Amino acid sequence: MSRTQPPPGPLAGLRILELVDGTGQFCGKLLGDLGADVVKIEPPGGEPCRHVGPFLDDVPHPERSLSFWYYNTSKRGITLDLETADGRQLFGRLAATSDVILETFRPGFLASLGLDYEPLHKQNSRLIMCALTSFGQTGPWRDYLSSDLLHMAAGGEMASCGYDETDASNAPPIAPGGGNAWHMGNHFAYMAIMAALVYRTVAGRGQYIDASIHEACALTTEAAIANYVYRGEVVRRQTGRHHAANPTPRTQFRAKDGKYVCALVAGRLNPRYVRELADLLDSYGMAGDLKDPKYQDPVVIAASTSHIIDDLVAHFIASLPAEEVYHAAQERGFTWGAVRASEALLDDAHLHDRGFWKEVEHPELGRSFVYPGEAAIYNGSPWRISRRAPLIGEHNTEIFCDELGLSRSQLCILAENHVI
């Protein structure tokens, strides 16, 4: 292999057909960036996610959606109307030689077109199909409409996010940032597909996966359900920290520069920790009475938790910039960190040292753009963004003509009939 050609990713050689809207495109990206040949199938004219902003240079255009760019890296793109006979026939030919179909249509839609799993599996026994929908293919909610926000509510996450009574009495629940439910569902669908691929290597056959975003959310409430089932406790939201059945000391403190530091102190207060904390504060002349031998008594520590956290630690953090105070704490082994805005990560020295940020070429624009990188570094089968998101129908000729054997004139007729 030449030095200019990187080794293939761990999913190289697999073909994924992607029939998704905004709720499922992240799963395809995960598979594509790991080397799978993900063929994104859009309706003629492109899919609605291309109209989701923000846009490059604030110019709304289906080829300039930054959201679409991010979620569709490493994919090839074709257009195809599955509701036409020719479209269904072409899709069937693609499915016959593919490994995975990922789809997010409403339950029953593909079956109404004769493109459900059973007929496709008959012509390709190794085919895996993953249907990722809001509530799954069965059950009383299967046809309910939903959104990321509603999933955060119905899935249990929103009940744990917001302010506690101390900071805001009777405050409403607050949803996490947009897209969390979709990302949860996509991660679980991705894991399910990977497991099905492993099973296929053993059993030699594919299978159908019914993935539910609602169930993914219900699986991601951390200890809330377990606490209720096994201990009869209802966890309560607490400002800027983990939910809990009972009130816990605060973890967020405003630093001198107005930024916040997340300092995990409660639950760690034992004689040794207090001694090390006193040394840290004393190095800045701010230990107060914390070096008093009485603080080596666990009973005294427990009775003084509020004084240690709300007085001494809070005052110490308020006297220094956020970056300085958290680095000073980390050097002594304390679990403290600065609360950063997302854009601040672009200047994160640690991420730069590990090569996290990637330059992705957009040849049609004559420019490259910075994209977030990998979640894990593979030393033998590397993750990489192989190409920017496809333009509308960019690979129609490549796939329909060069791979399926259609002539250029046949492709023109399909376009004229709005099949592609």
Protein backbone atom coordinates (compact mmCIF):
# COMPACT_ATOMS: atom_id res chain seq x y z
CA MET A 1 0.00 0.00 0.00
CA SER A 2 1.41 3.39 -0.97
CA ARG A 3 2.20 5.97 1.65
CA THR A 4 -0.33 8.34 0.12
CA GLN A 5 -3.19 5.85 0.41
CA PRO A 6 -4.35 5.30 4.00
CA PRO A 7 -5.28 1.79 5.11
CA PRO A 8 -8.98 0.96 4.94
CA GLY A 9 -11.29 1.53 7.88
CA PRO A 10 -12.71 -1.33 9.96
CA LEU A 11 -15.96 -1.44 7.96
CA ALA A 12 -14.33 -1.33 4.52
CA GLY A 13 -16.05 -3.64 2.04
CA LEU A 14 -19.53 -3.20 3.52
CA ARG A 15 -22.26 -1.39 1.62
CA ILE A 16 -24.99 0.46 3.51
CA LEU A 17 -28.12 1.80 1.82
CA GLU A 18 -29.34 4.82 3.78
CA LEU A 19 -33.01 5.81 3.52
CA VAL A 20 -33.26 8.31 6.35
CA ASP A 21 -34.39 11.75 7.38
CA GLY A 22 -32.74 13.90 10.03
CA THR A 23 -33.49 11.36 12.73
CA GLY A 24 -31.16 8.73 11.28
CA GLN A 25 -28.37 10.37 9.33
CA PHE A 26 -25.88 10.31 12.23
CA CYS A 27 -25.93 6.50 12.26
CA GLY A 28 -24.96 6.47 8.59
CA LYS A 29 -22.16 8.93 9.28
CA LEU A 30 -20.78 6.70 12.04
CA LEU A 31 -20.72 3.75 9.64
CA GLY A 32 -19.32 5.76 6.72
CA ASP A 33 -16.50 7.36 8.69
CA LEU A 34 -15.44 3.84 9.71
CA GLY A 35 -15.01 2.89 6.06
CA ALA A 36 -18.36 1.48 4.95
CA ASP A 37 -19.64 2.49 1.53
CA VAL A 38 -22.76 4.37 2.63
CA VAL A 39 -25.06 5.21 -0.27
CA LYS A 40 -27.44 7.96 0.76
CA ILE A 41 -30.70 7.65 -1.17
CA GLU A 42 -32.66 10.91 -1.36
CA PRO A 43 -35.89 11.78 -3.16
CA PRO A 44 -35.42 13.69 -6.44
CA GLY A 45 -34.42 17.24 -5.56
CA GLY A 46 -32.82 16.23 -2.27
CA GLU A 47 -34.12 15.58 1.20
CA PRO A 48 -35.55 18.23 3.57
CA CYS A 49 -32.52 18.18 5.91
CA ARG A 50 -30.63 20.11 3.24
CA HIS A 51 -32.77 23.11 4.19
CA VAL A 52 -31.78 23.07 7.86
CA GLY A 53 -29.51 25.96 8.83
CA PRO A 54 -27.10 27.40 9.59
CA PHE A 55 -25.81 27.81 6.04
CA LEU A 56 -22.39 28.63 4.65
CA ASP A 57 -21.98 32.42 4.58
CA ASP A 58 -25.63 32.64 5.74
CA VAL A 59 -26.83 31.89 2.21
CA PRO A 60 -29.75 29.41 2.37
CA HIS A 61 -29.19 26.70 -0.22
CA PRO A 62 -29.60 22.90 -0.22
CA GLU A 63 -25.89 22.48 -0.92
CA ARG A 64 -24.76 24.87 1.84
CA SER A 65 -26.40 23.46 4.99
CA LEU A 66 -23.66 23.07 7.60
CA SER A 67 -25.84 20.65 9.55
CA PHE A 68 -26.26 18.45 6.48
CA TRP A 69 -22.54 18.65 5.79
CA TYR A 70 -21.61 17.35 9.22
CA TYR A 71 -24.11 14.49 9.39
CA ASN A 72 -23.40 13.18 5.91
CA THR A 73 -19.64 12.90 5.60
CA SER A 74 -18.11 9.84 3.94
CA LYS A 75 -21.30 9.04 2.01
CA ARG A 76 -22.07 8.77 -1.66
CA GLY A 77 -25.40 10.20 -2.75
CA ILE A 78 -28.06 9.24 -5.29
CA THR A 79 -31.65 10.32 -5.89
CA LEU A 80 -34.47 7.81 -6.31
CA ASP A 81 -38.25 7.93 -6.02
CA LEU A 82 -39.27 4.67 -4.35
CA GLU A 83 -42.94 5.34 -5.07
CA THR A 84 -42.36 4.69 -8.78
CA ALA A 85 -42.10 1.20 -10.26
CA ASP A 86 -38.70 1.95 -11.78
CA GLY A 87 -37.49 3.36 -8.48
CA ARG A 88 -38.50 0.23 -6.60
CA GLN A 89 -36.89 -1.99 -9.21
CA LEU A 90 -33.60 -0.11 -8.99
CA PHE A 91 -33.67 -0.15 -5.21
CA GLY A 92 -34.22 -3.91 -5.26
CA ARG A 93 -31.14 -4.33 -7.42
CA LEU A 94 -29.09 -2.25 -5.01
CA ALA A 95 -30.40 -4.21 -2.02
CA ALA A 96 -29.46 -7.50 -3.65
CA THR A 97 -25.76 -6.70 -3.30
CA SER A 98 -25.80 -4.61 -0.12
CA ASP A 99 -25.05 -5.56 3.47
CA VAL A 100 -27.26 -3.20 5.44
CA ILE A 101 -30.33 -1.04 4.85
CA LEU A 102 -30.92 1.75 7.35
CA GLU A 103 -34.35 3.39 7.13
CA THR A 104 -36.45 5.83 9.13
CA PHE A 105 -39.80 5.74 7.29
CA ARG A 106 -43.02 5.53 9.28
CA PRO A 107 -43.93 1.96 10.22
CA GLY A 108 -45.48 0.10 7.32
CA PHE A 109 -44.41 2.48 4.56
CA LEU A 110 -41.78 0.26 2.93
CA ALA A 111 -44.12 -2.73 3.24
CA SER A 112 -46.76 -0.79 1.32
CA LEU A 113 -44.25 -0.52 -1.53
CA GLY A 114 -43.26 -4.18 -1.36
CA LEU A 115 -39.83 -3.20 -0.04
CA ASP A 116 -40.09 -4.59 3.47
CA TYR A 117 -37.50 -6.99 4.82
CA GLU A 118 -38.95 -10.35 3.83
CA PRO A 119 -38.91 -9.97 0.03
CA LEU A 120 -35.51 -8.26 0.14
CA HIS A 121 -34.13 -10.97 2.42
CA LYS A 122 -35.29 -13.68 0.03
CA GLN A 123 -33.02 -12.34 -2.69
CA ASN A 124 -30.18 -11.55 -0.27
CA SER A 125 -30.07 -13.81 2.77
CA ARG A 126 -27.15 -11.90 4.30
CA LEU A 127 -29.01 -8.58 4.27
CA ILE A 128 -29.46 -6.70 7.52
CA MET A 129 -32.21 -4.09 7.73
CA CYS A 130 -32.42 -1.62 10.61
CA ALA A 131 -35.61 0.41 10.96
CA LEU A 132 -35.04 3.37 13.29
CA THR A 133 -38.34 5.03 14.20
CA SER A 134 -39.73 7.10 17.04
CA PHE A 135 -41.59 4.30 18.85
CA GLY A 136 -40.78 1.14 16.94
CA GLN A 137 -42.76 -1.02 14.52
CA THR A 138 -45.30 -2.28 17.07
CA GLY A 139 -47.16 -1.07 20.14
CA PRO A 140 -49.90 1.51 20.78
CA TRP A 141 -47.57 4.45 20.12
CA ARG A 142 -46.05 3.21 16.86
CA ASP A 143 -47.89 5.80 14.74
CA TYR A 144 -47.49 8.72 17.14
CA LEU A 145 -45.70 11.80 15.89
CA SER A 146 -42.74 13.03 17.88
CA SER A 147 -39.69 15.27 17.89
CA ASP A 148 -36.38 15.45 19.70
CA LEU A 149 -37.97 17.67 22.35
CA LEU A 150 -40.89 15.29 22.92
CA HIS A 151 -38.54 12.33 23.20
CA MET A 152 -36.58 14.16 25.88
CA ALA A 153 -39.86 14.58 27.76
CA ALA A 154 -41.36 11.12 27.20
CA GLY A 155 -38.04 9.31 27.61
CA GLY A 156 -37.39 10.66 31.10
CA GLU A 157 -34.37 12.89 30.49
CA MET A 158 -36.16 16.23 30.83
CA ALA A 159 -37.40 15.38 34.32
CA SER A 160 -33.77 15.24 35.46
CA CYS A 161 -32.63 18.47 33.80
CA GLY A 162 -33.17 21.93 35.22
CA TYR A 163 -32.86 23.76 38.52
CA ASP A 164 -33.30 22.49 42.05
CA GLU A 165 -35.57 24.11 44.61
CA THR A 166 -32.70 26.05 46.20
CA ASP A 167 -31.91 27.92 42.99
CA ALA A 168 -35.41 28.23 41.53
CA SER A 169 -38.50 27.21 43.38
CA ASN A 170 -41.08 25.33 41.29
CA ALA A 171 -38.88 25.64 38.20
CA PRO A 172 -40.00 23.67 35.15
CA PRO A 173 -37.98 20.84 33.63
CA ILE A 174 -35.52 21.91 30.93
CA ALA A 175 -34.65 19.91 27.85
CA PRO A 176 -31.01 19.12 27.09
CA GLY A 177 -29.55 20.61 23.92
CA GLY A 178 -31.24 19.88 20.60
CA GLY A 179 -30.67 16.53 18.96
CA ASN A 180 -29.93 14.46 22.06
CA ALA A 181 -32.75 11.98 21.44
CA TRP A 182 -31.75 11.52 17.80
CA HIS A 183 -28.15 10.91 18.81
CA MET A 184 -29.18 8.34 21.42
CA GLY A 185 -31.35 6.51 18.90
CA ASN A 186 -28.58 6.62 16.30
CA HIS A 187 -25.97 5.28 18.68
CA PHE A 188 -28.20 2.37 19.68
CA ALA A 189 -29.04 1.65 16.02
CA TYR A 190 -25.32 1.74 15.21
CA MET A 191 -24.57 -0.73 18.01
CA ALA A 192 -27.42 -2.98 16.89
CA ILE A 193 -26.13 -3.01 13.31
CA MET A 194 -22.61 -3.83 14.47
CA ALA A 195 -23.95 -6.70 16.61
CA ALA A 196 -25.97 -8.02 13.65
CA LEU A 197 -22.87 -7.91 11.46
CA VAL A 198 -20.96 -9.93 14.05
CA TYR A 199 -23.83 -12.44 14.24
CA ARG A 200 -23.80 -12.71 10.46
CA THR A 201 -20.18 -13.82 10.51
CA VAL A 202 -21.24 -16.72 12.75
CA ALA A 203 -24.68 -17.63 11.40
CA GLY A 204 -24.17 -16.60 7.78
CA ARG A 205 -27.45 -14.73 7.55
CA GLY A 206 -28.79 -11.25 8.13
CA GLN A 207 -31.70 -10.12 10.27
CA TYR A 208 -34.24 -7.36 10.83
CA ILE A 209 -33.66 -4.76 13.58
CA ASP A 210 -36.54 -2.76 15.03
CA ALA A 211 -34.87 0.19 16.79
CA SER A 212 -36.87 2.73 18.79
CA ILE A 213 -35.68 6.21 19.72
CA HIS A 214 -38.12 6.23 22.64
CA GLU A 215 -36.60 3.05 24.02
CA ALA A 216 -33.09 4.40 23.49
CA CYS A 217 -34.06 7.39 25.63
CA ALA A 218 -35.62 5.15 28.29
CA LEU A 219 -32.31 3.28 28.43
CA THR A 220 -30.40 6.51 28.99
CA THR A 221 -31.92 7.88 32.19
CA GLU A 222 -28.90 6.63 34.14
CA ALA A 223 -29.97 5.61 37.67
CA ALA A 224 -33.47 7.10 37.63
CA ILE A 225 -35.37 3.92 36.79
CA ALA A 226 -33.14 1.64 38.86
CA ASN A 227 -33.51 3.91 41.89
CA TYR A 228 -37.28 3.79 41.59
CA VAL A 229 -37.56 0.05 40.91
CA TYR A 230 -35.17 -1.19 43.56
CA ARG A 231 -35.25 1.54 46.19
CA GLY A 232 -38.58 3.25 45.66
CA GLU A 233 -36.82 6.60 45.26
CA VAL A 234 -37.74 9.34 42.80
CA VAL A 235 -34.65 11.26 41.71
CA ARG A 236 -34.89 15.05 41.56
CA ARG A 237 -33.20 17.45 39.19
CA GLN A 238 -30.39 19.49 40.66
CA THR A 239 -28.75 22.55 39.15
CA GLY A 240 -25.77 21.70 36.98
CA ARG A 241 -25.22 18.28 38.50
CA HIS A 242 -26.50 14.74 38.55
CA HIS A 243 -30.06 14.08 39.63
CA ALA A 244 -30.42 12.42 43.02
CA ALA A 245 -33.05 11.26 45.47
CA ASN A 246 -31.79 13.74 48.06
CA PRO A 247 -30.22 17.22 47.80
CA THR A 248 -26.48 17.25 47.12
CA PRO A 249 -23.94 20.07 47.48
CA ARG A 250 -23.41 22.26 44.44
CA THR A 251 -20.65 21.61 41.92
CA GLN A 252 -20.58 24.81 39.83
CA PHE A 253 -18.76 27.93 40.96
CA ARG A 254 -18.19 31.24 39.21
CA ALA A 255 -14.52 32.10 38.68
CA LYS A 256 -12.91 35.54 38.68
CA ASP A 257 -13.29 35.92 34.90
CA GLY A 258 -17.02 35.22 35.03
CA LYS A 259 -16.69 31.67 33.72
CA TYR A 260 -17.73 28.65 35.70
CA VAL A 261 -15.71 25.81 37.16
CA CYS A 262 -17.23 22.42 37.86
CA ALA A 263 -15.58 21.20 41.07
CA LEU A 264 -16.54 17.74 42.32
CA VAL A 265 -15.92 17.94 46.05
CA ALA A 266 -18.96 16.43 47.77
CA GLY A 267 -18.72 12.68 48.19
CA ARG A 268 -14.94 12.92 48.28
CA LEU A 269 -14.55 14.66 51.62
CA ASN A 270 -12.43 12.40 53.75
CA PRO A 271 -9.42 13.29 55.93
CA ARG A 272 -6.89 12.70 53.15
CA TYR A 273 -8.84 14.70 50.55
CA VAL A 274 -9.38 17.58 52.99
CA ARG A 275 -5.66 17.63 53.77
CA GLU A 276 -4.80 17.81 50.04
CA LEU A 277 -7.50 20.43 49.47
CA ALA A 278 -6.08 22.52 52.32
CA ASP A 279 -2.63 22.34 50.71
CA LEU A 280 -4.04 23.55 47.37
CA LEU A 281 -5.88 26.47 48.94
CA ASP A 282 -2.94 27.28 51.20
CA SER A 283 -0.60 27.56 48.19
CA TYR A 284 -2.65 30.65 47.35
CA GLY A 285 -2.97 31.75 50.98
CA MET A 286 -6.67 30.90 51.03
CA ALA A 287 -6.96 27.80 53.21
CA GLY A 288 -8.89 29.60 55.94
CA ASP A 289 -9.22 27.25 58.89
CA LEU A 290 -8.99 24.11 56.76
CA LYS A 291 -5.54 23.19 58.08
CA ASP A 292 -6.91 22.92 61.59
CA PRO A 293 -6.35 19.33 62.85
CA LYS A 294 -10.04 19.04 63.65
CA TYR A 295 -10.71 18.52 59.94
CA GLN A 296 -9.03 15.13 60.16
CA ASP A 297 -12.09 13.91 62.04
CA PRO A 298 -14.72 12.48 59.64
CA VAL A 299 -17.51 13.62 61.96
CA VAL A 300 -16.26 17.21 61.85
CA ILE A 301 -15.86 17.02 58.07
CA ALA A 302 -19.44 15.81 57.63
CA ALA A 303 -20.74 18.61 59.83
CA SER A 304 -18.63 21.19 57.95
CA THR A 305 -19.43 20.19 54.35
CA SER A 306 -21.28 23.42 53.57
CA HIS A 307 -18.50 25.56 55.07
CA ILE A 308 -15.82 23.73 53.08
CA ILE A 309 -17.68 23.87 49.78
CA ASP A 310 -19.81 27.01 49.89
CA ASP A 311 -17.30 29.18 51.73
CA LEU A 312 -13.71 28.02 51.21
CA VAL A 313 -13.87 26.33 47.78
CA ALA A 314 -16.28 28.89 46.35
CA HIS A 315 -14.12 31.82 47.56
CA PHE A 316 -10.96 30.19 46.21
CA ILE A 317 -12.45 29.67 42.74
CA ALA A 318 -13.88 33.20 42.72
CA SER A 319 -10.38 34.60 43.19
CA LEU A 320 -8.83 33.05 40.05
CA PRO A 321 -9.56 32.70 36.32
CA ALA A 322 -11.35 29.47 35.46
CA GLU A 323 -8.51 27.98 33.41
CA GLU A 324 -5.90 28.64 36.10
CA VAL A 325 -7.93 27.27 38.99
CA TYR A 326 -8.91 24.06 37.28
CA HIS A 327 -5.38 23.34 36.07
CA ALA A 328 -4.04 23.95 39.58
CA ALA A 329 -6.61 21.50 40.95
CA GLN A 330 -5.98 18.86 38.28
CA GLU A 331 -2.23 18.95 39.00
CA ARG A 332 -3.10 17.78 42.51
CA GLY A 333 -5.43 15.05 41.31
CA PHE A 334 -8.75 16.82 41.85
CA THR A 335 -11.69 16.24 39.50
CA TRP A 336 -12.27 19.86 38.53
CA GLY A 337 -12.83 21.36 35.09
CA ALA A 338 -13.76 24.61 33.38
CA VAL A 339 -17.21 24.94 31.85
CA ARG A 340 -16.53 25.86 28.23
CA ALA A 341 -18.64 27.11 25.40
CA SER A 342 -18.65 24.77 22.41
CA GLU A 343 -16.66 27.19 20.27
CA ALA A 344 -13.90 27.24 22.89
CA LEU A 345 -13.12 23.63 22.02
CA LEU A 346 -11.57 24.83 18.74
CA ASP A 347 -8.66 26.17 20.78
CA ASP A 348 -8.40 23.14 23.09
CA ALA A 349 -4.71 22.20 23.21
CA HIS A 350 -5.50 18.61 24.14
CA LEU A 351 -7.77 18.09 21.12
CA HIS A 352 -5.19 19.69 18.84
CA ASP A 353 -2.43 17.48 20.24
CA ARG A 354 -4.48 14.37 19.40
CA GLY A 355 -5.34 15.66 15.93
CA PHE A 356 -9.07 15.72 16.64
CA TRP A 357 -9.98 18.54 14.25
CA LYS A 358 -9.96 17.54 10.58
CA GLU A 359 -9.70 19.55 7.38
CA VAL A 360 -12.27 18.33 4.85
CA GLU A 361 -11.97 19.41 1.24
CA HIS A 362 -14.96 20.80 -0.67
CA PRO A 363 -13.58 20.75 -4.23
CA GLU A 364 -16.62 22.43 -5.78
CA LEU A 365 -15.99 25.44 -3.53
CA GLY A 366 -12.21 25.36 -3.75
CA ARG A 367 -12.08 25.43 0.04
CA SER A 368 -11.62 23.17 3.02
CA PHE A 369 -13.46 23.34 6.33
CA VAL A 370 -12.76 22.17 9.87
CA TYR A 371 -14.84 19.21 11.09
CA PRO A 372 -14.93 17.35 14.42
CA GLY A 373 -12.98 14.13 14.29
CA GLU A 374 -13.06 10.62 15.67
CA ALA A 375 -14.27 9.23 18.97
CA ALA A 376 -11.51 6.61 18.99
CA ILE A 377 -8.13 6.26 17.30
CA TYR A 378 -7.64 2.94 15.47
CA ASN A 379 -3.99 2.13 14.85
CA GLY A 380 -4.67 -0.61 12.31
CA SER A 381 -7.90 0.35 10.55
CA PRO A 382 -8.22 4.10 10.94
CA TRP A 383 -11.33 6.19 11.17
CA ARG A 384 -11.40 8.99 8.62
CA ILE A 385 -13.74 11.33 6.78
CA SER A 386 -13.28 10.03 3.24
CA ARG A 387 -15.30 12.78 1.53
CA ARG A 388 -17.54 15.73 2.23
CA ALA A 389 -21.32 15.26 2.14
CA PRO A 390 -22.62 14.42 -1.34
CA LEU A 391 -24.24 16.96 -3.60
CA ILE A 392 -27.79 16.18 -4.73
CA GLY A 393 -27.59 13.13 -7.01
CA GLU A 394 -23.81 13.47 -7.22
CA HIS A 395 -23.20 9.76 -7.68
CA ASN A 396 -26.18 8.87 -9.87
CA THR A 397 -24.04 8.14 -12.91
CA GLU A 398 -21.38 6.32 -10.90
CA ILE A 399 -23.84 3.99 -9.20
CA PHE A 400 -26.65 3.57 -11.73
CA CYS A 401 -24.48 3.40 -14.83
CA ASP A 402 -21.03 2.24 -13.78
CA GLU A 403 -22.22 -0.21 -11.13
CA LEU A 404 -25.75 -1.26 -12.15
CA GLY A 405 -25.04 -1.10 -15.89
CA LEU A 406 -27.64 1.44 -17.00
CA SER A 407 -26.82 3.44 -20.10
CA ARG A 408 -26.53 7.23 -20.05
CA SER A 409 -29.67 7.46 -22.17
CA GLN A 410 -31.60 5.29 -19.71
CA LEU A 411 -30.43 7.58 -16.91
CA CYS A 412 -31.72 10.60 -18.83
CA ILE A 413 -35.12 8.96 -19.27
CA LEU A 414 -35.27 8.19 -15.54
CA ALA A 415 -34.50 11.84 -14.81
CA GLU A 416 -37.15 13.06 -17.24
CA ASN A 417 -39.71 10.81 -15.54
CA HIS A 418 -38.66 12.10 -12.12
CA VAL A 419 -37.55 8.67 -10.97
CA ILE A 420 -34.15 10.10 -10.04
